């Protein structure tokens, strides 16, 4: 019996990250998004999700609920609009990545040095990668950073995201970060 060796967890996580980014690109192509800012509410609606603002505790950014044909994303109305937008994209990332029985409240003790072994951590990372790529696509950013020479504050405004999210995306994509 010829079995393929299992990939080390870190390599497996990189593959999940790449796949999450590819899913985001597919969604952008599917819905004809060609420039920022990405209208995440429109994308959610086209995927048959209803977005509901809710008075969640501050520790809850958003939740996803699917029952039968009813699909709802509840978003914390007390959070900044840019955070709400990222949270909606994050929840869509969970949905499109097939994360079943997902709960933000589930906790698992994992050695901080080996958190990449925690399935919950992997799902969170994958949903974050999806959200970042959906809202700040690499192809768009490359032009805005290298040709347009936009700074972080200008990029965040153009993409309608937080400066923190933009900075993280630029670092992850290894694009030059200009304050």
C-alpha atoms as a PDB file:
ATOM      1  CA  UNK A   1       0.000   0.000   0.000  1.00  0.00           C
ATOM      2  CA  UNK A   2       1.520   3.298  -1.120  1.00  0.00           C
ATOM      3  CA  UNK A   3       0.509   6.065   1.313  1.00  0.00           C
ATOM      4  CA  UNK A   4       1.522   9.664   0.941  1.00  0.00           C
ATOM      5  CA  UNK A   5       3.273  11.125   3.963  1.00  0.00           C
ATOM      6  CA  UNK A   6       1.323  13.604   6.057  1.00  0.00           C
ATOM      7  CA  UNK A   7       2.331  17.199   5.683  1.00  0.00           C
ATOM      8  CA  UNK A   8       3.783  18.877   8.767  1.00  0.00           C
ATOM      9  CA  UNK A   9       1.179  21.094  10.480  1.00  0.00           C
ATOM     10  CA  UNK A  10       2.936  24.360   9.585  1.00  0.00           C
ATOM     11  CA  UNK A  11       2.961  23.438   5.886  1.00  0.00           C
ATOM     12  CA  UNK A  12      -0.645  22.280   6.123  1.00  0.00           C
ATOM     13  CA  UNK A  13      -1.587  25.660   7.658  1.00  0.00           C
ATOM     14  CA  UNK A  14       0.153  27.506   4.806  1.00  0.00           C
ATOM     15  CA  UNK A  15      -1.914  25.486   2.348  1.00  0.00           C
ATOM     16  CA  UNK A  16      -5.120  26.400   4.215  1.00  0.00           C
ATOM     17  CA  UNK A  17      -4.049  30.058   4.073  1.00  0.00           C
ATOM     18  CA  UNK A  18      -3.425  29.883   0.312  1.00  0.00           C
ATOM     19  CA  UNK A  19      -6.768  28.157  -0.235  1.00  0.00           C
ATOM     20  CA  UNK A  20      -8.586  30.783   1.840  1.00  0.00           C
ATOM     21  CA  UNK A  21      -7.033  33.511  -0.302  1.00  0.00           C
ATOM     22  CA  UNK A  22      -7.990  31.672  -3.504  1.00  0.00           C
ATOM     23  CA  UNK A  23     -11.596  31.393  -2.275  1.00  0.00           C
ATOM     24  CA  UNK A  24     -11.643  35.141  -1.703  1.00  0.00           C
ATOM     25  CA  UNK A  25     -10.355  35.759  -5.240  1.00  0.00           C
ATOM     26  CA  UNK A  26     -13.035  33.451  -6.636  1.00  0.00           C
ATOM     27  CA  UNK A  27     -15.764  35.372  -4.788  1.00  0.00           C
ATOM     28  CA  UNK A  28     -14.430  38.675  -6.107  1.00  0.00           C
ATOM     29  CA  UNK A  29     -14.424  37.334  -9.678  1.00  0.00           C
ATOM     30  CA  UNK A  30     -17.835  35.706  -9.274  1.00  0.00           C
ATOM     31  CA  UNK A  31     -19.425  38.984  -8.190  1.00  0.00           C
ATOM     32  CA  UNK A  32     -17.488  41.224 -10.573  1.00  0.00           C
ATOM     33  CA  UNK A  33     -15.518  43.197  -7.989  1.00  0.00           C
ATOM     34  CA  UNK A  34     -12.756  45.043  -9.815  1.00  0.00           C
ATOM     35  CA  UNK A  35     -11.803  47.844  -7.437  1.00  0.00           C
ATOM     36  CA  UNK A  36     -11.940  48.822  -3.777  1.00  0.00           C
ATOM     37  CA  UNK A  37     -13.797  49.235  -1.581  1.00  0.00           C
ATOM     38  CA  UNK A  38     -15.405  45.807  -1.593  1.00  0.00           C
ATOM     39  CA  UNK A  39     -19.133  45.978  -0.775  1.00  0.00           C
ATOM     40  CA  UNK A  40     -19.246  43.154   1.763  1.00  0.00           C
ATOM     41  CA  UNK A  41     -22.955  43.683   2.459  1.00  0.00           C
ATOM     42  CA  UNK A  42     -23.699  43.124  -1.246  1.00  0.00           C
ATOM     43  CA  UNK A  43     -21.576  39.968  -1.319  1.00  0.00           C
ATOM     44  CA  UNK A  44     -23.280  38.637   1.810  1.00  0.00           C
ATOM     45  CA  UNK A  45     -26.690  39.374   0.283  1.00  0.00           C
ATOM     46  CA  UNK A  46     -25.731  37.641  -2.996  1.00  0.00           C
ATOM     47  CA  UNK A  47     -24.740  34.609  -0.901  1.00  0.00           C
ATOM     48  CA  UNK A  48     -28.257  34.744   0.643  1.00  0.00           C
ATOM     49  CA  UNK A  49     -27.154  36.065   4.036  1.00  0.00           C
ATOM     50  CA  UNK A  50     -29.106  38.596   6.013  1.00  0.00           C
ATOM     51  CA  UNK A  51     -26.940  40.974   8.064  1.00  0.00           C
ATOM     52  CA  UNK A  52     -28.388  41.960  11.434  1.00  0.00           C
ATOM     53  CA  UNK A  53     -26.898  44.551  13.788  1.00  0.00           C
ATOM     54  CA  UNK A  54     -27.115  43.348  17.375  1.00  0.00           C
ATOM     55  CA  UNK A  55     -26.161  44.627  20.811  1.00  0.00           C
ATOM     56  CA  UNK A  56     -23.576  41.910  21.569  1.00  0.00           C
ATOM     57  CA  UNK A  57     -21.127  42.114  24.468  1.00  0.00           C
ATOM     58  CA  UNK A  58     -17.968  43.919  23.377  1.00  0.00           C
ATOM     59  CA  UNK A  59     -16.059  40.609  23.278  1.00  0.00           C
ATOM     60  CA  UNK A  60     -18.301  39.330  20.433  1.00  0.00           C
ATOM     61  CA  UNK A  61     -17.673  40.840  17.008  1.00  0.00           C
ATOM     62  CA  UNK A  62     -20.085  38.711  14.966  1.00  0.00           C
ATOM     63  CA  UNK A  63     -21.812  35.342  14.810  1.00  0.00           C
ATOM     64  CA  UNK A  64     -23.157  33.244  11.994  1.00  0.00           C
ATOM     65  CA  UNK A  65     -26.380  31.262  12.208  1.00  0.00           C
ATOM     66  CA  UNK A  66     -27.735  28.907   9.569  1.00  0.00           C
ATOM     67  CA  UNK A  67     -31.010  27.054   9.988  1.00  0.00           C
ATOM     68  CA  UNK A  68     -32.525  25.450   6.943  1.00  0.00           C
ATOM     69  CA  UNK A  69     -32.507  28.017   4.171  1.00  0.00           C
ATOM     70  CA  UNK A  70     -32.175  30.934   6.600  1.00  0.00           C
ATOM     71  CA  UNK A  71     -28.639  32.363   6.808  1.00  0.00           C
ATOM     72  CA  UNK A  72     -27.889  35.237   9.163  1.00  0.00           C
ATOM     73  CA  UNK A  73     -24.744  37.039  10.265  1.00  0.00           C
ATOM     74  CA  UNK A  74     -25.210  39.026  13.435  1.00  0.00           C
ATOM     75  CA  UNK A  75     -22.703  41.847  13.812  1.00  0.00           C
ATOM     76  CA  UNK A  76     -21.912  43.915  16.914  1.00  0.00           C
ATOM     77  CA  UNK A  77     -23.511  47.311  16.333  1.00  0.00           C
ATOM     78  CA  UNK A  78     -21.232  48.926  18.947  1.00  0.00           C
ATOM     79  CA  UNK A  79     -18.085  48.184  16.947  1.00  0.00           C
ATOM     80  CA  UNK A  80     -16.627  50.558  14.373  1.00  0.00           C
ATOM     81  CA  UNK A  81     -18.029  50.121  10.858  1.00  0.00           C
ATOM     82  CA  UNK A  82     -14.647  48.974   9.521  1.00  0.00           C
ATOM     83  CA  UNK A  83     -14.542  46.266  12.197  1.00  0.00           C
ATOM     84  CA  UNK A  84     -18.111  45.226  11.389  1.00  0.00           C
ATOM     85  CA  UNK A  85     -17.144  44.914   7.733  1.00  0.00           C
ATOM     86  CA  UNK A  86     -14.134  42.726   8.553  1.00  0.00           C
ATOM     87  CA  UNK A  87     -16.260  40.634  10.947  1.00  0.00           C
ATOM     88  CA  UNK A  88     -18.857  39.962   8.223  1.00  0.00           C
ATOM     89  CA  UNK A  89     -16.097  38.919   5.812  1.00  0.00           C
ATOM     90  CA  UNK A  90     -14.571  36.732   8.553  1.00  0.00           C
ATOM     91  CA  UNK A  91     -17.885  34.939   9.143  1.00  0.00           C
ATOM     92  CA  UNK A  92     -18.316  34.417   5.397  1.00  0.00           C
ATOM     93  CA  UNK A  93     -14.830  32.894   5.465  1.00  0.00           C
ATOM     94  CA  UNK A  94     -15.983  30.344   8.049  1.00  0.00           C
ATOM     95  CA  UNK A  95     -19.033  29.530   5.950  1.00  0.00           C
ATOM     96  CA  UNK A  96     -17.202  29.221   2.626  1.00  0.00           C
ATOM     97  CA  UNK A  97     -14.406  27.181   4.216  1.00  0.00           C
ATOM     98  CA  UNK A  98     -16.898  24.633   5.509  1.00  0.00           C
ATOM     99  CA  UNK A  99     -16.168  25.188   9.185  1.00  0.00           C
ATOM    100  CA  UNK A 100     -18.983  23.164  10.725  1.00  0.00           C
ATOM    101  CA  UNK A 101     -20.065  23.311  14.351  1.00  0.00           C
ATOM    102  CA  UNK A 102     -18.027  26.460  14.678  1.00  0.00           C
ATOM    103  CA  UNK A 103     -18.188  28.371  17.942  1.00  0.00           C
ATOM    104  CA  UNK A 104     -16.204  31.440  18.962  1.00  0.00           C
ATOM    105  CA  UNK A 105     -16.836  30.450  22.576  1.00  0.00           C
ATOM    106  CA  UNK A 106     -15.143  27.050  22.347  1.00  0.00           C
ATOM    107  CA  UNK A 107     -11.824  27.088  24.121  1.00  0.00           C
ATOM    108  CA  UNK A 108      -9.032  24.586  24.159  1.00  0.00           C
ATOM    109  CA  UNK A 109      -5.796  24.695  26.111  1.00  0.00           C
ATOM    110  CA  UNK A 110      -2.866  24.559  23.751  1.00  0.00           C
ATOM    111  CA  UNK A 111       0.764  25.331  24.454  1.00  0.00           C
ATOM    112  CA  UNK A 112       1.278  28.873  23.088  1.00  0.00           C
ATOM    113  CA  UNK A 113       4.326  27.646  21.204  1.00  0.00           C
ATOM    114  CA  UNK A 114       2.194  25.054  19.378  1.00  0.00           C
ATOM    115  CA  UNK A 115      -1.130  26.842  18.910  1.00  0.00           C
ATOM    116  CA  UNK A 116      -0.952  25.997  15.210  1.00  0.00           C
ATOM    117  CA  UNK A 117      -2.023  22.487  16.287  1.00  0.00           C
ATOM    118  CA  UNK A 118      -5.342  23.785  17.662  1.00  0.00           C
ATOM    119  CA  UNK A 119      -8.159  23.240  15.095  1.00  0.00           C
ATOM    120  CA  UNK A 120      -9.973  26.329  16.421  1.00  0.00           C
ATOM    121  CA  UNK A 121      -6.875  28.472  15.889  1.00  0.00           C
ATOM    122  CA  UNK A 122      -6.477  27.124  12.355  1.00  0.00           C
ATOM    123  CA  UNK A 123     -10.113  27.953  11.532  1.00  0.00           C
ATOM    124  CA  UNK A 124      -9.730  31.472  12.924  1.00  0.00           C
ATOM    125  CA  UNK A 125      -6.568  32.045  10.904  1.00  0.00           C
ATOM    126  CA  UNK A 126      -8.223  30.739   7.754  1.00  0.00           C
ATOM    127  CA  UNK A 127     -11.276  32.982   8.222  1.00  0.00           C
ATOM    128  CA  UNK A 128      -9.005  35.979   8.882  1.00  0.00           C
ATOM    129  CA  UNK A 129      -6.944  35.250   5.757  1.00  0.00           C
ATOM    130  CA  UNK A 130     -10.136  34.986   3.704  1.00  0.00           C
ATOM    131  CA  UNK A 131     -11.523  38.242   5.112  1.00  0.00           C
ATOM    132  CA  UNK A 132      -8.271  40.120   4.571  1.00  0.00           C
ATOM    133  CA  UNK A 133      -7.941  38.958   0.977  1.00  0.00           C
ATOM    134  CA  UNK A 134     -11.610  39.606   0.232  1.00  0.00           C
ATOM    135  CA  UNK A 135     -11.484  43.177   1.527  1.00  0.00           C
ATOM    136  CA  UNK A 136      -7.875  44.000   0.558  1.00  0.00           C
ATOM    137  CA  UNK A 137      -7.031  41.849  -2.466  1.00  0.00           C
ATOM    138  CA  UNK A 138      -3.343  41.419  -3.178  1.00  0.00           C
ATOM    139  CA  UNK A 139      -3.722  42.374  -6.856  1.00  0.00           C
ATOM    140  CA  UNK A 140      -5.395  45.682  -5.967  1.00  0.00           C
ATOM    141  CA  UNK A 141      -2.899  46.452  -3.201  1.00  0.00           C
ATOM    142  CA  UNK A 142       0.179  45.763  -5.315  1.00  0.00           C
ATOM    143  CA  UNK A 143      -0.873  48.526  -7.714  1.00  0.00           C
ATOM    144  CA  UNK A 144      -1.835  50.956  -4.961  1.00  0.00           C
ATOM    145  CA  UNK A 145       1.425  50.415  -3.059  1.00  0.00           C
ATOM    146  CA  UNK A 146       3.948  50.122  -5.884  1.00  0.00           C
ATOM    147  CA  UNK A 147       2.446  52.359  -8.586  1.00  0.00           C
ATOM    148  CA  UNK A 148       0.226  54.794  -6.677  1.00  0.00           C
ATOM    149  CA  UNK A 149       2.609  54.859  -3.639  1.00  0.00           C
ATOM    150  CA  UNK A 150      -0.313  55.214  -1.215  1.00  0.00           C
ATOM    151  CA  UNK A 151       0.431  55.288   2.511  1.00  0.00           C
ATOM    152  CA  UNK A 152      -1.316  53.099   5.105  1.00  0.00           C
ATOM    153  CA  UNK A 153      -3.864  55.745   6.143  1.00  0.00           C
ATOM    154  CA  UNK A 154      -4.787  56.433   2.511  1.00  0.00           C
ATOM    155  CA  UNK A 155      -5.007  52.713   1.725  1.00  0.00           C
ATOM    156  CA  UNK A 156      -7.208  52.065   4.777  1.00  0.00           C
ATOM    157  CA  UNK A 157      -9.543  54.856   3.699  1.00  0.00           C
ATOM    158  CA  UNK A 158      -9.656  53.677   0.063  1.00  0.00           C
ATOM    159  CA  UNK A 159     -10.407  50.059   1.075  1.00  0.00           C
ATOM    160  CA  UNK A 160     -12.705  51.076   3.949  1.00  0.00           C
ATOM    161  CA  UNK A 161     -10.774  49.007   6.516  1.00  0.00           C
ATOM    162  CA  UNK A 162      -8.876  49.835   9.692  1.00  0.00           C
ATOM    163  CA  UNK A 163      -5.256  50.939   9.528  1.00  0.00           C
ATOM    164  CA  UNK A 164      -4.423  47.921  11.713  1.00  0.00           C
ATOM    165  CA  UNK A 165      -6.038  45.473   9.265  1.00  0.00           C
ATOM    166  CA  UNK A 166      -4.296  47.184   6.349  1.00  0.00           C
ATOM    167  CA  UNK A 167      -0.908  47.044   8.074  1.00  0.00           C
ATOM    168  CA  UNK A 168      -1.302  43.335   8.843  1.00  0.00           C
ATOM    169  CA  UNK A 169      -2.345  42.587   5.252  1.00  0.00           C
ATOM    170  CA  UNK A 170       0.625  44.504   3.820  1.00  0.00           C
ATOM    171  CA  UNK A 171       3.010  42.639   6.131  1.00  0.00           C
ATOM    172  CA  UNK A 172       1.443  39.263   5.305  1.00  0.00           C
ATOM    173  CA  UNK A 173       1.723  39.997   1.587  1.00  0.00           C
ATOM    174  CA  UNK A 174       5.285  41.263   2.066  1.00  0.00           C
ATOM    175  CA  UNK A 175       4.421  44.574   0.458  1.00  0.00           C
ATOM    176  CA  UNK A 176       6.249  47.725   1.526  1.00  0.00           C
ATOM    177  CA  UNK A 177       4.641  49.384   4.523  1.00  0.00           C
ATOM    178  CA  UNK A 178       4.725  53.175   4.319  1.00  0.00           C
ATOM    179  CA  UNK A 179       3.398  54.973   7.397  1.00  0.00           C
END
